Amino acid sequence: MISARVQIPANVAEHLRDDEIHVWHLPYLRQHGRAPLRSVLASYLGIDVQQVILTDGEHGRPALDRVRDPSLDFNWSHSGDHALIAIARSIRPGIDLECLRTRPRALDIARRYFTADEAAAVSAVPAASRSAVFLELWTAKEAVLKALGRGIAFGLNRLSISGAGGLLTLHQLDGEDPGAWQVHALHVDSSLVAALAWRGEKRRIRLWTLASDDR
């Protein structure tokens, strides 16, 4: 996984290979809505940002209203003042991001909504580490569900994930072959927990931090 701070080049889509996923880390303000996402997509599509029209799928997943590059797909997530955007060809990526903070009810939530094995994994670590382990599992589950085109109403206990520190394994996903899926933790910043998932072969993940205008 490559990480660098850059401005998006005008011909960025030409550098998106079929065996890659591009992930952009950028600053986010809630009042901007989807403007940052539309701006990044405009760079890949080679069009003005005003021409990027987004619609919502049945479960809230954004999609391009006008297909200019049928092979291109994307997903995004934001938490606090950070956002992540994943862009790839010929697969549907799912990405999720959470700010790392203490979650006093992490174990209670895991026991209620996660699988028994996942709840046991959260319970097994010292209390000081539980929030991080809980969020690793939470973001991984969310990333898979977003790649699937579903929301958490699908049921967090209908998929099972294990692992830590970037080595994640999908053991169960109702209605799917878990072996056909890739799930990766993303090491974006020490204050963030993030995960990326997709159905398909392994790909190279290229991670960039989008330089702000004042840098």
N, C-alpha and C. Protein backbone atom coordinates (compact mmCIF):
# COMPACT_ATOMS: atom_id res chain seq x y z
N MET A 1 0.85 -1.19 0.00
CA MET A 1 0.00 0.00 0.00
C MET A 1 0.89 1.23 0.00
N ILE A 2 0.67 2.12 -0.98
CA ILE A 2 1.48 3.32 -1.14
C ILE A 2 0.71 4.51 -0.58
N SER A 3 1.41 5.38 0.15
CA SER A 3 0.77 6.56 0.71
C SER A 3 1.60 7.79 0.38
N ALA A 4 0.94 8.87 -0.03
CA ALA A 4 1.64 10.11 -0.34
C ALA A 4 0.65 11.26 -0.27
N ARG A 5 1.17 12.49 -0.13
CA ARG A 5 0.32 13.69 -0.12
C ARG A 5 0.47 14.37 -1.48
N VAL A 6 -0.63 14.47 -2.22
CA VAL A 6 -0.57 14.99 -3.58
C VAL A 6 -1.83 15.78 -3.90
N GLN A 7 -1.77 16.51 -5.00
CA GLN A 7 -2.96 17.06 -5.63
C GLN A 7 -3.39 16.08 -6.71
N ILE A 8 -4.68 15.95 -6.97
CA ILE A 8 -5.14 15.01 -7.98
C ILE A 8 -4.75 15.51 -9.37
N PRO A 9 -3.99 14.73 -10.14
CA PRO A 9 -3.64 15.15 -11.49
C PRO A 9 -4.85 15.09 -12.41
N ALA A 10 -4.82 15.89 -13.45
CA ALA A 10 -5.96 15.97 -14.36
C ALA A 10 -6.23 14.64 -15.07
N ASN A 11 -5.18 13.86 -15.31
CA ASN A 11 -5.33 12.61 -16.04
C ASN A 11 -5.28 11.41 -15.11
N VAL A 12 -5.80 11.57 -13.90
CA VAL A 12 -5.67 10.53 -12.89
C VAL A 12 -6.30 9.21 -13.32
N ALA A 13 -7.39 9.24 -14.08
CA ALA A 13 -8.05 8.00 -14.49
C ALA A 13 -7.14 7.12 -15.34
N GLU A 14 -6.22 7.74 -16.07
CA GLU A 14 -5.30 6.97 -16.90
C GLU A 14 -4.37 6.11 -16.05
N HIS A 15 -4.19 6.49 -14.78
CA HIS A 15 -3.27 5.77 -13.90
C HIS A 15 -3.99 4.77 -13.01
N LEU A 16 -5.30 4.63 -13.18
CA LEU A 16 -6.06 3.65 -12.41
C LEU A 16 -6.06 2.33 -13.16
N ARG A 17 -5.19 1.43 -12.74
CA ARG A 17 -5.07 0.15 -13.42
C ARG A 17 -6.18 -0.81 -12.98
N ASP A 18 -6.41 -1.83 -13.78
CA ASP A 18 -7.46 -2.79 -13.47
C ASP A 18 -7.16 -3.61 -12.22
N ASP A 19 -5.88 -3.68 -11.83
CA ASP A 19 -5.52 -4.46 -10.64
C ASP A 19 -5.23 -3.57 -9.43
N GLU A 20 -5.78 -2.35 -9.44
CA GLU A 20 -5.55 -1.39 -8.36
C GLU A 20 -6.88 -0.87 -7.80
N ILE A 21 -6.77 -0.32 -6.60
CA ILE A 21 -7.84 0.49 -6.02
C ILE A 21 -7.20 1.78 -5.52
N HIS A 22 -7.71 2.89 -5.95
CA HIS A 22 -7.22 4.19 -5.46
C HIS A 22 -8.04 4.62 -4.25
N VAL A 23 -7.36 5.01 -3.19
CA VAL A 23 -8.03 5.49 -1.98
C VAL A 23 -7.50 6.89 -1.67
N TRP A 24 -8.42 7.84 -1.54
CA TRP A 24 -8.07 9.23 -1.23
C TRP A 24 -8.53 9.58 0.18
N HIS A 25 -7.60 10.13 0.96
CA HIS A 25 -7.89 10.64 2.30
C HIS A 25 -7.91 12.16 2.20
N LEU A 26 -9.00 12.77 2.61
CA LEU A 26 -9.13 14.21 2.45
C LEU A 26 -9.86 14.84 3.62
N PRO A 27 -9.65 16.13 3.84
CA PRO A 27 -10.38 16.82 4.91
C PRO A 27 -11.85 16.92 4.56
N TYR A 28 -12.68 16.95 5.61
CA TYR A 28 -14.13 16.96 5.38
C TYR A 28 -14.82 17.88 6.36
N LEU A 29 -15.76 18.66 5.84
CA LEU A 29 -16.66 19.48 6.65
C LEU A 29 -18.09 19.09 6.30
N ARG A 30 -18.90 18.83 7.31
CA ARG A 30 -20.25 18.32 7.07
C ARG A 30 -21.05 19.25 6.15
N GLN A 31 -20.83 20.56 6.26
CA GLN A 31 -21.62 21.48 5.45
C GLN A 31 -21.30 21.38 3.96
N HIS A 32 -20.20 20.70 3.64
CA HIS A 32 -19.85 20.54 2.23
C HIS A 32 -20.60 19.38 1.58
N GLY A 33 -21.26 18.56 2.39
CA GLY A 33 -22.03 17.45 1.82
C GLY A 33 -21.17 16.55 0.95
N ARG A 34 -21.69 16.27 -0.25
CA ARG A 34 -20.97 15.38 -1.17
C ARG A 34 -20.06 16.13 -2.14
N ALA A 35 -19.86 17.42 -1.92
CA ALA A 35 -19.02 18.20 -2.83
C ALA A 35 -17.61 17.61 -2.97
N PRO A 36 -16.94 17.19 -1.89
CA PRO A 36 -15.59 16.60 -2.06
C PRO A 36 -15.62 15.34 -2.91
N LEU A 37 -16.63 14.50 -2.72
CA LEU A 37 -16.76 13.28 -3.51
C LEU A 37 -16.96 13.62 -4.98
N ARG A 38 -17.84 14.55 -5.26
CA ARG A 38 -18.10 14.94 -6.65
C ARG A 38 -16.86 15.52 -7.30
N SER A 39 -16.07 16.26 -6.53
CA SER A 39 -14.85 16.86 -7.07
C SER A 39 -13.84 15.79 -7.48
N VAL A 40 -13.64 14.79 -6.61
CA VAL A 40 -12.71 13.71 -6.94
C VAL A 40 -13.21 12.92 -8.14
N LEU A 41 -14.51 12.61 -8.17
CA LEU A 41 -15.06 11.86 -9.30
C LEU A 41 -14.92 12.65 -10.60
N ALA A 42 -15.09 13.95 -10.54
CA ALA A 42 -14.94 14.77 -11.73
C ALA A 42 -13.53 14.64 -12.31
N SER A 43 -12.53 14.56 -11.43
CA SER A 43 -11.15 14.40 -11.89
C SER A 43 -10.97 13.08 -12.63
N TYR A 44 -11.60 12.02 -12.13
CA TYR A 44 -11.48 10.71 -12.78
C TYR A 44 -12.28 10.65 -14.08
N LEU A 45 -13.41 11.33 -14.12
CA LEU A 45 -14.25 11.30 -15.31
C LEU A 45 -13.84 12.31 -16.36
N GLY A 46 -12.99 13.26 -15.97
CA GLY A 46 -12.54 14.27 -16.91
C GLY A 46 -13.63 15.25 -17.31
N ILE A 47 -14.50 15.57 -16.34
CA ILE A 47 -15.61 16.48 -16.61
C ILE A 47 -15.67 17.54 -15.53
N ASP A 48 -16.48 18.57 -15.77
CA ASP A 48 -16.68 19.60 -14.76
C ASP A 48 -17.47 19.03 -13.59
N VAL A 49 -17.16 19.49 -12.38
CA VAL A 49 -17.81 18.96 -11.19
C VAL A 49 -19.33 19.13 -11.24
N GLN A 50 -19.80 20.18 -11.91
CA GLN A 50 -21.24 20.39 -12.01
C GLN A 50 -21.94 19.31 -12.83
N GLN A 51 -21.18 18.56 -13.62
CA GLN A 51 -21.75 17.50 -14.43
C GLN A 51 -21.82 16.17 -13.69
N VAL A 52 -21.25 16.11 -12.50
CA VAL A 52 -21.28 14.89 -11.71
C VAL A 52 -22.59 14.85 -10.92
N ILE A 53 -23.51 14.01 -11.35
CA ILE A 53 -24.81 13.87 -10.70
C ILE A 53 -24.85 12.53 -9.97
N LEU A 54 -25.15 12.56 -8.67
CA LEU A 54 -25.18 11.35 -7.86
C LEU A 54 -26.61 11.00 -7.47
N THR A 55 -26.89 9.73 -7.44
CA THR A 55 -28.16 9.24 -6.95
C THR A 55 -27.90 8.23 -5.82
N ASP A 56 -28.92 7.91 -5.06
CA ASP A 56 -28.80 6.94 -3.98
C ASP A 56 -29.46 5.63 -4.35
N GLY A 57 -28.76 4.53 -4.06
CA GLY A 57 -29.34 3.22 -4.25
C GLY A 57 -30.36 2.91 -3.17
N GLU A 58 -30.90 1.71 -3.21
CA GLU A 58 -31.95 1.32 -2.27
C GLU A 58 -31.51 1.44 -0.82
N HIS A 59 -30.24 1.17 -0.57
CA HIS A 59 -29.73 1.20 0.80
C HIS A 59 -28.78 2.38 1.04
N GLY A 60 -28.89 3.43 0.21
CA GLY A 60 -28.16 4.66 0.44
C GLY A 60 -26.80 4.74 -0.21
N ARG A 61 -26.38 3.70 -0.93
CA ARG A 61 -25.08 3.75 -1.59
C ARG A 61 -25.13 4.72 -2.77
N PRO A 62 -24.23 5.73 -2.82
CA PRO A 62 -24.26 6.68 -3.93
C PRO A 62 -23.78 6.04 -5.23
N ALA A 63 -24.35 6.49 -6.33
CA ALA A 63 -23.96 6.01 -7.66
C ALA A 63 -24.04 7.17 -8.63
N LEU A 64 -23.32 7.06 -9.74
CA LEU A 64 -23.36 8.08 -10.77
C LEU A 64 -24.66 7.96 -11.55
N ASP A 65 -25.32 9.08 -11.74
CA ASP A 65 -26.59 9.09 -12.46
C ASP A 65 -26.37 8.87 -13.95
N ARG A 66 -25.31 9.45 -14.48
CA ARG A 66 -25.00 9.30 -15.91
C ARG A 66 -23.69 8.54 -16.03
N VAL A 67 -23.75 7.39 -16.65
CA VAL A 67 -22.58 6.52 -16.74
C VAL A 67 -21.68 6.99 -17.88
N ARG A 68 -20.53 7.55 -17.52
CA ARG A 68 -19.57 7.99 -18.53
C ARG A 68 -18.43 6.99 -18.68
N ASP A 69 -18.20 6.20 -17.65
CA ASP A 69 -17.19 5.15 -17.69
C ASP A 69 -17.79 3.95 -16.96
N PRO A 70 -18.42 3.02 -17.69
CA PRO A 70 -19.14 1.91 -17.04
C PRO A 70 -18.27 1.05 -16.14
N SER A 71 -16.95 1.05 -16.37
CA SER A 71 -16.07 0.21 -15.56
C SER A 71 -15.75 0.83 -14.20
N LEU A 72 -16.01 2.12 -14.05
CA LEU A 72 -15.60 2.85 -12.85
C LEU A 72 -16.66 2.73 -11.75
N ASP A 73 -16.21 2.41 -10.54
CA ASP A 73 -17.12 2.40 -9.39
C ASP A 73 -16.39 2.99 -8.19
N PHE A 74 -17.16 3.35 -7.18
CA PHE A 74 -16.57 4.08 -6.06
C PHE A 74 -17.40 3.88 -4.81
N ASN A 75 -16.84 4.31 -3.69
CA ASN A 75 -17.56 4.37 -2.43
C ASN A 75 -16.84 5.39 -1.55
N TRP A 76 -17.55 5.91 -0.56
CA TRP A 76 -16.87 6.85 0.34
C TRP A 76 -17.43 6.75 1.74
N SER A 77 -16.69 7.33 2.69
CA SER A 77 -17.10 7.34 4.09
C SER A 77 -16.46 8.56 4.74
N HIS A 78 -17.15 9.11 5.74
CA HIS A 78 -16.56 10.24 6.45
C HIS A 78 -16.87 10.11 7.95
N SER A 79 -15.97 10.65 8.74
CA SER A 79 -16.13 10.65 10.20
C SER A 79 -15.34 11.83 10.74
N GLY A 80 -15.99 12.62 11.59
CA GLY A 80 -15.31 13.81 12.09
C GLY A 80 -14.96 14.72 10.93
N ASP A 81 -13.71 15.17 10.87
CA ASP A 81 -13.28 16.05 9.79
C ASP A 81 -12.39 15.32 8.78
N HIS A 82 -12.64 14.02 8.62
CA HIS A 82 -11.90 13.21 7.65
C HIS A 82 -12.86 12.47 6.73
N ALA A 83 -12.41 12.21 5.51
CA ALA A 83 -13.18 11.40 4.57
C ALA A 83 -12.24 10.50 3.78
N LEU A 84 -12.76 9.37 3.33
CA LEU A 84 -12.03 8.46 2.45
C LEU A 84 -12.90 8.16 1.23
N ILE A 85 -12.26 8.14 0.08
CA ILE A 85 -12.93 7.80 -1.18
C ILE A 85 -12.16 6.67 -1.84
N ALA A 86 -12.86 5.59 -2.19
CA ALA A 86 -12.24 4.46 -2.89
C ALA A 86 -12.77 4.42 -4.32
N ILE A 87 -11.86 4.27 -5.30
CA ILE A 87 -12.25 4.23 -6.71
C ILE A 87 -11.54 3.04 -7.37
N ALA A 88 -12.29 2.27 -8.15
CA ALA A 88 -11.73 1.09 -8.81
C ALA A 88 -12.48 0.81 -10.09
N ARG A 89 -11.94 -0.11 -10.88
CA ARG A 89 -12.57 -0.53 -12.12
C ARG A 89 -13.07 -1.97 -11.99
N SER A 90 -14.25 -2.22 -12.48
CA SER A 90 -14.81 -3.56 -12.64
C SER A 90 -15.09 -4.30 -11.34
N ILE A 91 -15.04 -3.61 -10.22
CA ILE A 91 -15.48 -4.15 -8.94
C ILE A 91 -16.27 -3.06 -8.23
N ARG A 92 -16.98 -3.45 -7.17
CA ARG A 92 -17.70 -2.46 -6.36
C ARG A 92 -17.03 -2.39 -5.00
N PRO A 93 -16.21 -1.37 -4.75
CA PRO A 93 -15.52 -1.27 -3.46
C PRO A 93 -16.45 -0.77 -2.36
N GLY A 94 -16.16 -1.17 -1.14
CA GLY A 94 -16.84 -0.64 0.04
C GLY A 94 -15.80 -0.13 1.00
N ILE A 95 -16.00 1.04 1.55
CA ILE A 95 -15.01 1.62 2.45
C ILE A 95 -15.72 2.22 3.66
N ASP A 96 -15.09 2.10 4.82
CA ASP A 96 -15.69 2.68 6.02
C ASP A 96 -14.60 3.29 6.89
N LEU A 97 -14.96 4.36 7.58
CA LEU A 97 -14.03 5.15 8.37
C LEU A 97 -14.67 5.57 9.68
N GLU A 98 -13.90 5.46 10.77
CA GLU A 98 -14.36 5.91 12.08
C GLU A 98 -13.20 6.59 12.81
N CYS A 99 -13.51 7.68 13.50
CA CYS A 99 -12.52 8.31 14.37
C CYS A 99 -12.31 7.42 15.59
N LEU A 100 -11.06 7.23 15.96
CA LEU A 100 -10.74 6.38 17.11
C LEU A 100 -10.98 7.17 18.40
N ARG A 101 -11.94 6.72 19.16
CA ARG A 101 -12.22 7.32 20.45
C ARG A 101 -12.77 6.24 21.37
N THR A 102 -12.80 6.51 22.65
CA THR A 102 -13.26 5.52 23.61
C THR A 102 -14.75 5.23 23.41
N ARG A 103 -15.07 3.97 23.32
CA ARG A 103 -16.45 3.53 23.18
C ARG A 103 -16.81 2.70 24.42
N PRO A 104 -17.36 3.33 25.45
CA PRO A 104 -17.62 2.62 26.71
C PRO A 104 -18.51 1.39 26.54
N ARG A 105 -19.38 1.39 25.54
CA ARG A 105 -20.32 0.29 25.36
C ARG A 105 -19.87 -0.68 24.25
N ALA A 106 -18.60 -0.63 23.89
CA ALA A 106 -18.12 -1.46 22.78
C ALA A 106 -18.41 -2.93 22.99
N LEU A 107 -18.12 -3.44 24.18
CA LEU A 107 -18.33 -4.86 24.44
C LEU A 107 -19.82 -5.20 24.44
N ASP A 108 -20.64 -4.34 25.02
CA ASP A 108 -22.09 -4.57 25.03
C ASP A 108 -22.65 -4.63 23.61
N ILE A 109 -22.21 -3.70 22.77
CA ILE A 109 -22.69 -3.66 21.39
C ILE A 109 -22.22 -4.90 20.63
N ALA A 110 -20.96 -5.29 20.85
CA ALA A 110 -20.43 -6.48 20.17
C ALA A 110 -21.22 -7.71 20.57
N ARG A 111 -21.52 -7.85 21.84
CA ARG A 111 -22.27 -9.03 22.30
C ARG A 111 -23.69 -9.05 21.75
N ARG A 112 -24.25 -7.88 21.50
CA ARG A 112 -25.63 -7.82 21.02
C ARG A 112 -25.73 -7.98 19.51
N TYR A 113 -24.77 -7.41 18.76
CA TYR A 113 -24.92 -7.34 17.31
C TYR A 113 -23.89 -8.15 16.51
N PHE A 114 -22.73 -8.45 17.09
CA PHE A 114 -21.70 -9.19 16.37
C PHE A 114 -21.94 -10.69 16.53
N THR A 115 -21.12 -11.49 15.85
CA THR A 115 -21.16 -12.93 16.06
C THR A 115 -20.51 -13.24 17.41
N ALA A 116 -20.73 -14.46 17.90
CA ALA A 116 -20.16 -14.86 19.19
C ALA A 116 -18.64 -14.81 19.16
N ASP A 117 -18.04 -15.25 18.05
CA ASP A 117 -16.57 -15.22 17.95
C ASP A 117 -16.04 -13.80 17.96
N GLU A 118 -16.71 -12.89 17.29
CA GLU A 118 -16.26 -11.50 17.26
C GLU A 118 -16.40 -10.86 18.63
N ALA A 119 -17.51 -11.11 19.30
CA ALA A 119 -17.70 -10.57 20.64
C ALA A 119 -16.63 -11.11 21.59
N ALA A 120 -16.28 -12.38 21.43
CA ALA A 120 -15.23 -12.98 22.26
C ALA A 120 -13.89 -12.30 21.99
N ALA A 121 -13.62 -11.93 20.73
CA ALA A 121 -12.37 -11.26 20.40
C ALA A 121 -12.29 -9.89 21.05
N VAL A 122 -13.41 -9.18 21.10
CA VAL A 122 -13.45 -7.87 21.76
C VAL A 122 -13.27 -8.04 23.26
N SER A 123 -13.90 -9.05 23.82
CA SER A 123 -13.82 -9.31 25.26
C SER A 123 -12.42 -9.74 25.69
N ALA A 124 -11.67 -10.39 24.79
CA ALA A 124 -10.38 -10.99 25.16
C ALA A 124 -9.27 -9.97 25.36
N VAL A 125 -9.41 -8.77 24.82
CA VAL A 125 -8.34 -7.78 24.93
C VAL A 125 -8.55 -6.91 26.16
N PRO A 126 -7.48 -6.27 26.68
CA PRO A 126 -7.62 -5.38 27.83
C PRO A 126 -8.62 -4.26 27.53
N ALA A 127 -9.26 -3.77 28.55
CA ALA A 127 -10.30 -2.74 28.38
C ALA A 127 -9.79 -1.54 27.59
N ALA A 128 -8.52 -1.18 27.78
CA ALA A 128 -7.97 -0.01 27.10
C ALA A 128 -7.88 -0.21 25.59
N SER A 129 -7.87 -1.46 25.15
CA SER A 129 -7.74 -1.75 23.72
C SER A 129 -9.05 -2.11 23.05
N ARG A 130 -10.11 -2.22 23.83
CA ARG A 130 -11.37 -2.72 23.28
C ARG A 130 -11.98 -1.81 22.22
N SER A 131 -11.88 -0.52 22.42
CA SER A 131 -12.47 0.40 21.44
C SER A 131 -11.83 0.21 20.07
N ALA A 132 -10.50 0.07 20.04
CA ALA A 132 -9.79 -0.09 18.77
C ALA A 132 -10.17 -1.40 18.09
N VAL A 133 -10.21 -2.50 18.86
CA VAL A 133 -10.55 -3.80 18.30
C VAL A 133 -12.00 -3.79 17.81
N PHE A 134 -12.88 -3.21 18.60
CA PHE A 134 -14.29 -3.10 18.21
C PHE A 134 -14.42 -2.34 16.89
N LEU A 135 -13.71 -1.21 16.77
CA LEU A 135 -13.83 -0.41 15.56
C LEU A 135 -13.19 -1.08 14.36
N GLU A 136 -12.14 -1.86 14.56
CA GLU A 136 -11.56 -2.63 13.46
C GLU A 136 -12.60 -3.57 12.87
N LEU A 137 -13.33 -4.26 13.75
CA LEU A 137 -14.36 -5.17 13.28
C LEU A 137 -15.55 -4.42 12.69
N TRP A 138 -15.95 -3.34 13.34
CA TRP A 138 -17.09 -2.55 12.87
C TRP A 138 -16.84 -2.00 11.47
N THR A 139 -15.69 -1.37 11.25
CA THR A 139 -15.40 -0.78 9.93
C THR A 139 -15.26 -1.86 8.87
N ALA A 140 -14.70 -3.01 9.24
CA ALA A 140 -14.57 -4.10 8.27
C ALA A 140 -15.95 -4.61 7.86
N LYS A 141 -16.84 -4.78 8.83
CA LYS A 141 -18.19 -5.22 8.53
C LYS A 141 -18.91 -4.19 7.65
N GLU A 142 -18.81 -2.94 8.01
CA GLU A 142 -19.46 -1.88 7.23
C GLU A 142 -18.92 -1.85 5.80
N ALA A 143 -17.61 -2.01 5.64
CA ALA A 143 -17.01 -1.99 4.31
C ALA A 143 -17.56 -3.12 3.46
N VAL A 144 -17.68 -4.31 4.03
CA VAL A 144 -18.24 -5.45 3.30
C VAL A 144 -19.69 -5.17 2.91
N LEU A 145 -20.48 -4.69 3.85
CA LEU A 145 -21.88 -4.42 3.57
C LEU A 145 -22.05 -3.35 2.51
N LYS A 146 -21.20 -2.34 2.53
CA LYS A 146 -21.28 -1.28 1.52
C LYS A 146 -20.88 -1.80 0.15
N ALA A 147 -19.88 -2.68 0.10
CA ALA A 147 -19.51 -3.31 -1.16
C ALA A 147 -20.63 -4.20 -1.68
N LEU A 148 -21.36 -4.80 -0.76
CA LEU A 148 -22.49 -5.65 -1.10
C LEU A 148 -23.70 -4.83 -1.54
N GLY A 149 -23.68 -3.54 -1.22
CA GLY A 149 -24.80 -2.67 -1.55
C GLY A 149 -25.89 -2.70 -0.50
N ARG A 150 -25.53 -3.12 0.71
CA ARG A 150 -26.50 -3.21 1.80
C ARG A 150 -26.08 -2.29 2.95
N GLY A 151 -26.99 -2.10 3.91
CA GLY A 151 -26.71 -1.34 5.11
C GLY A 151 -26.67 -2.26 6.31
N ILE A 152 -26.50 -1.67 7.50
CA ILE A 152 -26.39 -2.50 8.70
C ILE A 152 -27.69 -3.21 9.03
N ALA A 153 -28.80 -2.77 8.42
CA ALA A 153 -30.06 -3.47 8.62
C ALA A 153 -30.01 -4.90 8.08
N PHE A 154 -29.05 -5.17 7.22
CA PHE A 154 -28.83 -6.53 6.71
C PHE A 154 -28.58 -7.50 7.86
N GLY A 155 -27.92 -6.97 8.92
CA GLY A 155 -27.61 -7.79 10.09
C GLY A 155 -26.11 -7.98 10.25
N LEU A 156 -25.53 -7.35 11.26
CA LEU A 156 -24.09 -7.45 11.47
C LEU A 156 -23.66 -8.86 11.87
N ASN A 157 -24.59 -9.65 12.35
CA ASN A 157 -24.26 -11.02 12.74
C ASN A 157 -24.35 -12.00 11.58
N ARG A 158 -24.69 -11.49 10.39
CA ARG A 158 -24.77 -12.35 9.21
C ARG A 158 -23.45 -12.39 8.44
N LEU A 159 -22.43 -11.73 8.98
CA LEU A 159 -21.08 -11.85 8.44
C LEU A 159 -20.11 -11.89 9.61
N SER A 160 -19.05 -12.65 9.43
CA SER A 160 -18.09 -12.86 10.51
C SER A 160 -16.68 -12.57 10.00
N ILE A 161 -15.95 -11.76 10.77
CA ILE A 161 -14.60 -11.34 10.39
C ILE A 161 -13.67 -11.56 11.56
N SER A 162 -12.46 -11.97 11.27
CA SER A 162 -11.44 -12.09 12.32
C SER A 162 -10.15 -11.42 11.85
N GLY A 163 -9.27 -11.18 12.82
CA GLY A 163 -7.97 -10.60 12.49
C GLY A 163 -7.80 -9.23 13.09
N ALA A 164 -6.58 -8.75 13.03
CA ALA A 164 -6.24 -7.42 13.56
C ALA A 164 -4.97 -6.95 12.86
N GLY A 165 -4.74 -5.63 12.96
CA GLY A 165 -3.52 -5.07 12.41
C GLY A 165 -3.41 -5.13 10.91
N GLY A 166 -4.53 -5.21 10.21
CA GLY A 166 -4.50 -5.21 8.76
C GLY A 166 -4.73 -6.56 8.13
N LEU A 167 -4.57 -7.65 8.91
CA LEU A 167 -4.77 -8.99 8.38
C LEU A 167 -6.17 -9.45 8.74
N LEU A 168 -7.13 -9.20 7.87
CA LEU A 168 -8.52 -9.49 8.14
C LEU A 168 -9.00 -10.63 7.25
N THR A 169 -9.85 -11.48 7.79
CA THR A 169 -10.39 -12.61 7.05
C THR A 169 -11.90 -12.65 7.20
N LEU A 170 -12.60 -12.74 6.08
CA LEU A 170 -14.05 -12.89 6.10
C LEU A 170 -14.37 -14.38 6.14
N HIS A 171 -14.99 -14.83 7.22
CA HIS A 171 -15.29 -16.25 7.40
C HIS A 171 -16.69 -16.61 6.95
N GLN A 172 -17.61 -15.68 7.07
CA GLN A 172 -19.01 -15.95 6.77
C GLN A 172 -19.66 -14.70 6.21
N LEU A 173 -20.48 -14.89 5.17
CA LEU A 173 -21.31 -13.81 4.64
C LEU A 173 -22.52 -14.48 4.01
N ASP A 174 -23.67 -14.34 4.64
CA ASP A 174 -24.87 -15.03 4.19
C ASP A 174 -25.14 -14.75 2.72
N GLY A 175 -25.36 -15.84 1.97
CA GLY A 175 -25.68 -15.71 0.56
C GLY A 175 -24.48 -15.52 -0.34
N GLU A 176 -23.26 -15.52 0.23
CA GLU A 176 -22.05 -15.26 -0.54
C GLU A 176 -20.97 -16.29 -0.21
N ASP A 177 -20.01 -16.43 -1.12
CA ASP A 177 -18.82 -17.22 -0.84
C ASP A 177 -17.80 -16.30 -0.19
N PRO A 178 -17.52 -16.44 1.11
CA PRO A 178 -16.59 -15.52 1.77
C PRO A 178 -15.19 -15.56 1.18
N GLY A 179 -14.82 -16.71 0.58
CA GLY A 179 -13.49 -16.81 -0.02
C GLY A 179 -13.31 -15.95 -1.25
N ALA A 180 -14.40 -15.43 -1.79
CA ALA A 180 -14.33 -14.58 -2.98
C ALA A 180 -14.11 -13.11 -2.62
N TRP A 181 -14.00 -12.84 -1.32
CA TRP A 181 -13.92 -11.45 -0.86
C TRP A 181 -12.53 -11.10 -0.32
N GLN A 182 -12.19 -9.81 -0.46
CA GLN A 182 -10.97 -9.25 0.12
C GLN A 182 -11.37 -8.18 1.14
N VAL A 183 -10.76 -8.22 2.31
CA VAL A 183 -11.03 -7.22 3.35
C VAL A 183 -9.68 -6.75 3.90
N HIS A 184 -9.47 -5.44 3.93
CA HIS A 184 -8.21 -4.87 4.37
C HIS A 184 -8.43 -3.73 5.36
N ALA A 185 -7.70 -3.73 6.43
CA ALA A 185 -7.64 -2.53 7.29
C ALA A 185 -6.76 -1.51 6.59
N LEU A 186 -7.11 -0.24 6.70
CA LEU A 186 -6.34 0.84 6.10
C LEU A 186 -5.67 1.65 7.19
N HIS A 187 -4.37 1.79 7.12
CA HIS A 187 -3.64 2.57 8.11
C HIS A 187 -3.48 4.00 7.58
N VAL A 188 -4.48 4.81 7.86
CA VAL A 188 -4.55 6.16 7.32
C VAL A 188 -3.91 7.16 8.26
N ASP A 189 -4.24 7.05 9.55
CA ASP A 189 -3.79 7.99 10.56
C ASP A 189 -3.99 7.32 11.91
N SER A 190 -3.16 7.65 12.88
CA SER A 190 -3.26 7.00 14.19
C SER A 190 -4.57 7.33 14.91
N SER A 191 -5.25 8.38 14.46
CA SER A 191 -6.51 8.77 15.09
C SER A 191 -7.73 8.19 14.38
N LEU A 192 -7.50 7.36 13.36
CA LEU A 192 -8.58 6.84 12.53
C LEU A 192 -8.51 5.32 12.42
N VAL A 193 -9.67 4.71 12.24
CA VAL A 193 -9.77 3.29 11.95
C VAL A 193 -10.57 3.17 10.66
N ALA A 194 -10.06 2.39 9.70
CA ALA A 194 -10.72 2.31 8.40
C ALA A 194 -10.52 0.93 7.80
N ALA A 195 -11.44 0.57 6.89
CA ALA A 195 -11.35 -0.71 6.21
C ALA A 195 -11.89 -0.58 4.79
N LEU A 196 -11.38 -1.45 3.92
CA LEU A 196 -11.75 -1.49 2.51
C LEU A 196 -12.09 -2.94 2.16
N ALA A 197 -13.16 -3.14 1.40
CA ALA A 197 -13.57 -4.50 1.03
C ALA A 197 -14.09 -4.52 -0.40
N TRP A 198 -13.94 -5.67 -1.04
CA TRP A 198 -14.51 -5.87 -2.36
C TRP A 198 -14.61 -7.35 -2.67
N ARG A 199 -15.51 -7.70 -3.57
CA ARG A 199 -15.62 -9.06 -4.06
C ARG A 199 -14.77 -9.18 -5.32
N GLY A 200 -13.78 -10.06 -5.28
CA GLY A 200 -12.91 -10.22 -6.44
C GLY A 200 -11.50 -10.59 -6.05
N GLU A 201 -10.62 -10.58 -7.04
CA GLU A 201 -9.22 -10.95 -6.82
C GLU A 201 -8.49 -9.88 -6.02
N LYS A 202 -7.33 -10.26 -5.49
CA LYS A 202 -6.50 -9.30 -4.77
C LYS A 202 -6.08 -8.16 -5.68
N ARG A 203 -5.99 -6.97 -5.09
CA ARG A 203 -5.57 -5.79 -5.85
C ARG A 203 -4.57 -4.97 -5.03
N ARG A 204 -3.81 -4.18 -5.73
CA ARG A 204 -2.90 -3.24 -5.08
C ARG A 204 -3.69 -2.03 -4.63
N ILE A 205 -3.53 -1.64 -3.37
CA ILE A 205 -4.21 -0.47 -2.83
C ILE A 205 -3.24 0.70 -2.84
N ARG A 206 -3.61 1.75 -3.50
CA ARG A 206 -2.79 2.97 -3.54
C ARG A 206 -3.51 4.05 -2.74
N LEU A 207 -2.88 4.49 -1.66
CA LEU A 207 -3.49 5.43 -0.73
C LEU A 207 -2.76 6.77 -0.81
N TRP A 208 -3.55 7.83 -1.01
CA TRP A 208 -3.02 9.17 -1.02
C TRP A 208 -3.78 10.07 -0.05
N THR A 209 -3.09 11.06 0.48
CA THR A 209 -3.74 12.13 1.23
C THR A 209 -3.83 13.34 0.33
N LEU A 210 -5.03 13.82 0.13
CA LEU A 210 -5.25 14.93 -0.78
C LEU A 210 -4.78 16.22 -0.13
N ALA A 211 -3.83 16.87 -0.76
CA ALA A 211 -3.28 18.10 -0.23
C ALA A 211 -4.35 19.19 -0.25
N SER A 212 -4.46 19.92 0.87
CA SER A 212 -5.41 21.02 0.92
C SER A 212 -4.84 22.23 0.21
N ASP A 213 -5.71 23.19 -0.11
CA ASP A 213 -5.29 24.35 -0.90
C ASP A 213 -4.25 25.21 -0.21
N ASP A 214 -4.20 25.14 1.15
CA ASP A 214 -3.28 26.02 1.87
C ASP A 214 -1.92 25.38 2.11
N ARG A 215 -1.63 24.23 1.51
CA ARG A 215 -0.34 23.57 1.68
C ARG A 215 0.56 23.90 0.51
